[in-house]
N, C-alpha and C. Protein backbone atom coordinates (compact mmCIF):
# COMPACT_ATOMS: atom_id res chain seq x y z
N MET A 1 18.97 2.63 10.38
CA MET A 1 18.66 1.44 10.94
C MET A 1 17.48 0.91 10.58
N THR A 2 17.05 -0.28 10.15
CA THR A 2 15.75 -0.54 9.66
C THR A 2 14.84 -1.72 10.75
N ARG A 3 13.53 -1.62 10.80
CA ARG A 3 13.09 -2.11 11.85
C ARG A 3 12.21 -3.62 10.95
N ASN A 4 12.13 -4.58 11.76
CA ASN A 4 11.36 -5.59 11.24
C ASN A 4 9.95 -5.56 11.56
N ILE A 5 9.20 -5.67 10.15
CA ILE A 5 7.84 -5.36 10.59
C ILE A 5 6.97 -6.49 10.57
N GLY A 6 7.62 -7.44 10.53
CA GLY A 6 6.94 -8.83 10.60
C GLY A 6 6.16 -9.71 9.19
N LEU A 7 6.79 -8.94 8.25
CA LEU A 7 6.30 -9.31 6.80
C LEU A 7 7.55 -9.93 6.22
N ASP A 8 7.31 -10.98 5.22
CA ASP A 8 8.51 -11.65 4.38
C ASP A 8 8.81 -10.70 3.30
N ILE A 9 9.13 -9.41 3.35
CA ILE A 9 9.56 -8.52 2.51
C ILE A 9 10.99 -7.75 2.93
N ALA A 10 11.81 -7.81 1.72
CA ALA A 10 12.95 -7.18 2.04
C ALA A 10 12.74 -5.77 2.23
N PRO A 11 13.36 -4.95 3.13
CA PRO A 11 13.17 -3.55 3.28
C PRO A 11 13.98 -2.87 2.52
N PRO A 12 13.71 -1.76 2.30
CA PRO A 12 14.25 -0.66 1.21
C PRO A 12 15.79 -0.40 1.79
N GLU A 13 16.65 -0.10 0.51
CA GLU A 13 17.88 -0.18 1.01
C GLU A 13 17.87 1.51 1.36
N LYS A 14 17.40 2.38 0.89
CA LYS A 14 17.19 3.97 1.31
C LYS A 14 16.82 4.21 2.52
N GLN A 15 17.58 5.14 3.09
CA GLN A 15 17.16 5.73 4.53
C GLN A 15 16.12 6.71 4.45
N CYS A 16 15.14 7.08 5.28
CA CYS A 16 14.25 8.42 5.52
C CYS A 16 14.17 8.63 6.93
N GLU A 17 13.53 9.76 7.02
CA GLU A 17 13.20 10.55 8.20
C GLU A 17 11.95 10.72 8.56
N ASP A 18 11.14 9.89 7.92
CA ASP A 18 9.69 10.12 7.65
C ASP A 18 9.07 9.45 8.94
N LYS A 19 8.18 10.17 10.02
CA LYS A 19 7.75 9.72 10.74
C LYS A 19 6.53 8.65 10.65
N LYS A 20 6.01 8.73 9.42
CA LYS A 20 4.83 7.73 9.03
C LYS A 20 5.50 6.32 8.26
N CYS A 21 6.90 6.06 8.24
CA CYS A 21 7.46 5.12 7.56
C CYS A 21 7.51 3.84 8.36
N PRO A 22 6.87 2.65 8.03
CA PRO A 22 7.19 1.39 8.95
C PRO A 22 8.32 1.04 9.19
N TYR A 23 9.20 1.17 8.38
CA TYR A 23 10.87 0.73 8.57
C TYR A 23 11.49 1.61 9.24
N HIS A 24 11.43 2.77 9.28
CA HIS A 24 12.33 3.85 9.82
C HIS A 24 11.60 4.63 11.10
N SER A 25 10.66 4.12 11.53
CA SER A 25 9.85 4.90 12.59
C SER A 25 8.96 3.81 13.32
N ASN A 26 8.20 4.28 14.22
CA ASN A 26 7.32 3.37 15.12
C ASN A 26 6.03 3.04 14.39
N LEU A 27 5.86 3.15 13.27
CA LEU A 27 4.54 2.87 12.82
C LEU A 27 4.16 1.57 12.62
N SER A 28 3.23 1.02 13.27
CA SER A 28 3.03 -0.52 13.38
C SER A 28 2.00 -0.79 12.14
N VAL A 29 2.42 -1.94 11.56
CA VAL A 29 1.34 -2.18 10.36
C VAL A 29 0.57 -3.58 11.15
N ARG A 30 -0.63 -3.60 10.85
CA ARG A 30 -1.58 -4.89 11.02
C ARG A 30 -2.75 -4.84 9.89
N GLY A 31 -3.47 -5.97 10.27
CA GLY A 31 -4.68 -6.41 9.37
C GLY A 31 -4.16 -6.89 8.16
N ARG A 32 -5.04 -6.39 7.09
CA ARG A 32 -4.86 -7.04 5.67
C ARG A 32 -3.66 -6.73 4.67
N VAL A 33 -3.15 -7.45 4.09
CA VAL A 33 -1.91 -7.18 3.22
C VAL A 33 -2.55 -7.21 1.82
N ILE A 34 -2.61 -6.13 0.96
CA ILE A 34 -2.97 -6.20 -0.27
C ILE A 34 -2.32 -5.80 -1.30
N ILE A 35 -2.69 -6.09 -2.70
CA ILE A 35 -1.63 -5.97 -3.59
C ILE A 35 -2.43 -5.28 -4.57
N GLY A 36 -1.90 -4.27 -5.16
CA GLY A 36 -2.81 -3.19 -5.87
C GLY A 36 -1.78 -2.50 -7.01
N THR A 37 -2.39 -1.62 -7.85
CA THR A 37 -1.57 -1.12 -8.76
C THR A 37 -1.87 0.40 -8.49
N VAL A 38 -0.60 1.25 -8.80
CA VAL A 38 -0.72 2.54 -8.66
C VAL A 38 -1.10 3.43 -9.84
N VAL A 39 -2.31 4.24 -9.69
CA VAL A 39 -3.01 4.93 -10.39
C VAL A 39 -2.42 6.36 -10.51
N SER A 40 -2.16 6.93 -9.56
CA SER A 40 -2.04 8.23 -9.60
C SER A 40 -0.99 8.72 -8.27
N LYS A 41 -0.01 9.56 -8.73
CA LYS A 41 1.01 9.88 -7.56
C LYS A 41 0.85 11.53 -7.31
N GLY A 42 -0.38 11.95 -7.47
CA GLY A 42 -0.49 13.67 -7.44
C GLY A 42 -0.40 14.09 -6.05
N MET A 43 -0.65 13.40 -4.97
CA MET A 43 -0.63 13.96 -3.67
C MET A 43 0.74 13.82 -3.12
N VAL A 44 1.20 14.62 -2.36
CA VAL A 44 2.71 14.56 -1.51
C VAL A 44 2.61 13.42 -0.72
N ASN A 45 3.58 12.64 -0.96
CA ASN A 45 3.99 11.16 0.00
C ASN A 45 2.78 10.26 0.00
N SER A 46 1.64 10.28 -0.93
CA SER A 46 0.62 9.50 -0.91
C SER A 46 0.40 9.19 -2.25
N VAL A 47 -0.13 8.02 -2.75
CA VAL A 47 -0.67 7.54 -3.75
C VAL A 47 -1.95 7.10 -3.81
N VAL A 48 -2.40 6.87 -5.24
CA VAL A 48 -3.91 6.34 -5.20
C VAL A 48 -3.51 4.90 -5.59
N VAL A 49 -3.97 3.94 -5.06
CA VAL A 49 -3.91 2.25 -5.39
C VAL A 49 -5.14 1.78 -5.80
N ARG A 50 -5.30 1.07 -6.93
CA ARG A 50 -6.55 0.33 -7.22
C ARG A 50 -6.61 -1.11 -7.07
N ARG A 51 -7.39 -1.59 -6.62
CA ARG A 51 -7.22 -3.25 -6.47
C ARG A 51 -8.64 -3.87 -7.39
N GLU A 52 -8.26 -4.70 -8.25
CA GLU A 52 -9.34 -5.12 -8.93
C GLU A 52 -9.71 -6.75 -8.45
N PHE A 53 -10.97 -7.08 -8.34
CA PHE A 53 -11.24 -8.34 -7.73
C PHE A 53 -12.50 -8.89 -8.16
N LYS A 54 -12.62 -10.23 -8.33
CA LYS A 54 -13.86 -10.62 -8.64
C LYS A 54 -14.87 -11.23 -7.47
N LYS A 55 -16.22 -11.06 -7.67
CA LYS A 55 -16.79 -11.26 -6.77
C LYS A 55 -18.23 -12.11 -7.24
N PHE A 56 -18.97 -13.13 -6.82
CA PHE A 56 -19.97 -13.85 -6.92
C PHE A 56 -21.18 -13.25 -6.89
N ASN A 57 -21.88 -13.23 -7.99
CA ASN A 57 -23.37 -12.54 -7.99
C ASN A 57 -24.47 -13.73 -8.04
N SER A 58 -24.83 -14.16 -6.81
CA SER A 58 -25.73 -15.35 -6.64
C SER A 58 -27.10 -15.20 -7.56
N LYS A 59 -27.56 -14.25 -7.69
CA LYS A 59 -28.73 -14.24 -8.50
C LYS A 59 -28.61 -14.42 -9.80
N TYR A 60 -27.65 -13.98 -10.69
CA TYR A 60 -27.32 -14.13 -11.92
C TYR A 60 -26.45 -15.47 -12.17
N GLU A 61 -25.98 -15.76 -10.88
CA GLU A 61 -24.74 -16.84 -11.13
C GLU A 61 -23.75 -16.47 -12.21
N ARG A 62 -23.06 -15.20 -11.91
CA ARG A 62 -22.04 -14.86 -12.54
C ARG A 62 -20.90 -14.11 -11.72
N ASN A 63 -19.72 -14.27 -12.08
CA ASN A 63 -18.66 -13.24 -11.48
C ASN A 63 -18.64 -12.01 -11.71
N ILE A 64 -18.65 -10.84 -11.08
CA ILE A 64 -18.75 -9.59 -11.21
C ILE A 64 -17.22 -9.00 -10.97
N LYS A 65 -16.72 -8.33 -12.04
CA LYS A 65 -15.57 -7.53 -11.91
C LYS A 65 -15.92 -6.25 -10.93
N SER A 66 -15.14 -6.21 -9.91
CA SER A 66 -15.29 -4.97 -8.98
C SER A 66 -13.87 -4.33 -8.66
N ILE A 67 -13.95 -2.99 -8.45
CA ILE A 67 -12.77 -2.26 -8.48
C ILE A 67 -12.65 -1.37 -7.10
N SER A 68 -11.61 -1.37 -6.39
CA SER A 68 -11.53 -0.54 -5.16
C SER A 68 -10.57 0.34 -5.06
N SER A 69 -10.82 1.66 -4.77
CA SER A 69 -9.27 2.38 -4.46
C SER A 69 -8.86 2.85 -3.43
N TYR A 70 -7.96 2.84 -2.94
CA TYR A 70 -7.30 3.11 -1.85
C TYR A 70 -6.36 4.53 -1.88
N HIS A 71 -6.37 5.26 -1.02
CA HIS A 71 -5.47 6.25 -0.61
C HIS A 71 -4.38 5.90 0.44
N VAL A 72 -3.24 5.77 -0.10
CA VAL A 72 -1.97 4.90 0.67
C VAL A 72 -0.87 5.94 0.74
N HIS A 73 -0.40 5.78 1.84
CA HIS A 73 1.10 6.81 2.17
C HIS A 73 2.15 5.88 1.67
N LEU A 74 2.96 6.79 1.21
CA LEU A 74 4.07 6.27 0.31
C LEU A 74 5.41 6.91 0.86
N PRO A 75 6.29 6.17 1.77
CA PRO A 75 7.04 6.54 2.48
C PRO A 75 8.17 7.18 1.42
N PRO A 76 9.25 8.04 1.71
CA PRO A 76 10.15 8.23 0.88
C PRO A 76 11.41 7.41 0.50
N CYS A 77 11.56 6.39 1.09
CA CYS A 77 12.52 5.17 1.09
C CYS A 77 11.81 4.25 -0.03
N ILE A 78 10.56 4.59 -0.37
CA ILE A 78 10.46 3.34 -1.77
C ILE A 78 9.76 4.25 -2.68
N GLU A 79 10.50 4.03 -4.00
CA GLU A 79 10.23 4.59 -4.98
C GLU A 79 9.32 3.91 -5.89
N VAL A 80 8.23 4.25 -6.27
CA VAL A 80 7.42 3.73 -7.24
C VAL A 80 6.74 4.77 -8.39
N LYS A 81 6.22 4.32 -9.33
CA LYS A 81 5.63 5.13 -10.38
C LYS A 81 4.54 4.72 -10.89
N ASN A 82 3.51 5.41 -11.53
CA ASN A 82 2.29 4.78 -12.17
C ASN A 82 2.25 3.43 -12.89
N GLY A 83 1.53 2.61 -12.39
CA GLY A 83 1.56 1.35 -13.22
C GLY A 83 2.43 0.27 -12.39
N ASP A 84 3.03 0.71 -11.50
CA ASP A 84 3.83 -0.40 -10.65
C ASP A 84 2.89 -1.02 -9.75
N ARG A 85 3.24 -2.46 -9.44
CA ARG A 85 2.17 -2.90 -8.68
C ARG A 85 3.03 -3.08 -7.07
N VAL A 86 2.23 -2.75 -6.08
CA VAL A 86 2.55 -2.40 -4.82
C VAL A 86 1.88 -3.10 -3.85
N LEU A 87 2.50 -3.33 -2.77
CA LEU A 87 2.17 -4.43 -1.70
C LEU A 87 1.84 -3.26 -0.35
N PHE A 88 0.62 -3.23 -0.15
CA PHE A 88 0.27 -2.40 0.99
C PHE A 88 -0.36 -2.84 1.95
N THR A 89 -0.40 -2.40 3.32
CA THR A 89 -0.93 -3.28 4.42
C THR A 89 -1.62 -1.73 5.34
N GLU A 90 -2.63 -2.30 6.18
CA GLU A 90 -3.52 -1.47 7.17
C GLU A 90 -2.58 -0.85 8.26
N CYS A 91 -2.70 0.16 8.63
CA CYS A 91 -2.11 0.87 9.92
C CYS A 91 -3.19 1.85 10.50
N ARG A 92 -2.66 2.63 11.57
CA ARG A 92 -3.53 3.57 12.00
C ARG A 92 -3.77 4.66 11.04
N LYS A 93 -4.67 5.25 11.52
CA LYS A 93 -5.38 6.83 10.40
C LYS A 93 -4.12 7.71 10.73
N LEU A 94 -3.44 8.01 9.50
CA LEU A 94 -2.71 8.65 9.27
C LEU A 94 -3.14 10.39 8.65
N ALA A 95 -4.12 10.27 7.95
CA ALA A 95 -5.04 11.29 7.55
C ALA A 95 -6.52 11.07 7.45
N LYS A 96 -7.09 11.99 6.94
CA LYS A 96 -8.75 11.87 6.73
C LYS A 96 -9.00 10.77 6.03
N THR A 97 -8.27 10.48 5.12
CA THR A 97 -8.84 9.30 3.81
C THR A 97 -7.63 8.21 3.80
N ILE A 98 -6.38 8.42 4.78
CA ILE A 98 -5.54 7.63 4.57
C ILE A 98 -4.99 6.72 5.69
N SER A 99 -5.42 5.42 5.48
CA SER A 99 -4.97 4.33 6.62
C SER A 99 -4.39 3.47 6.10
N HIS A 100 -3.80 3.30 5.16
CA HIS A 100 -2.86 2.25 4.81
C HIS A 100 -1.56 2.78 4.32
N VAL A 101 -0.53 2.01 4.14
CA VAL A 101 0.87 2.16 3.78
C VAL A 101 1.51 1.39 2.95
N VAL A 102 2.32 1.83 2.16
CA VAL A 102 2.86 0.89 1.23
C VAL A 102 4.28 0.27 2.03
N VAL A 103 4.37 -0.92 1.84
CA VAL A 103 5.39 -1.61 2.50
C VAL A 103 6.43 -2.27 1.30
N GLY A 104 6.19 -2.24 0.33
CA GLY A 104 7.21 -2.88 -1.07
C GLY A 104 6.52 -2.72 -2.20
N ARG A 105 7.43 -2.56 -2.98
CA ARG A 105 6.94 -2.60 -4.74
C ARG A 105 7.29 -4.18 -5.25
N LEU A 106 6.67 -4.69 -5.88
CA LEU A 106 6.31 -6.02 -6.33
C LEU A 106 6.96 -5.96 -7.86
N ASP A 107 7.03 -4.92 -8.63
CA ASP A 107 7.83 -4.83 -9.97
C ASP A 107 9.23 -4.30 -9.53
N GLN A 108 10.00 -5.18 -9.34
CA GLN A 108 11.62 -5.09 -9.09
C GLN A 108 12.26 -5.02 -10.64
């Protein structure tokens, strides 16, 4: 049985028993919803996601391309590979460096 997490995203078809899954457990999602690209799957049940954005530098009156990397929890019911665009959101602190969770894959 899947839970409605409050976002307009279709829940995954696979079932999982992960306690840190927003769809199949009590993990609440809140805060910002971010789109990024998966860079590394080296960790167990976690991925590194990179987000690129532009910000304006007022001194030089130019846009600067900036990059942020996030450590994001990946539930077993969502399958991604390197290079996939994913949608992830903030949640409670799950580990020392992980406070975001993947809620969907955009490259279907």
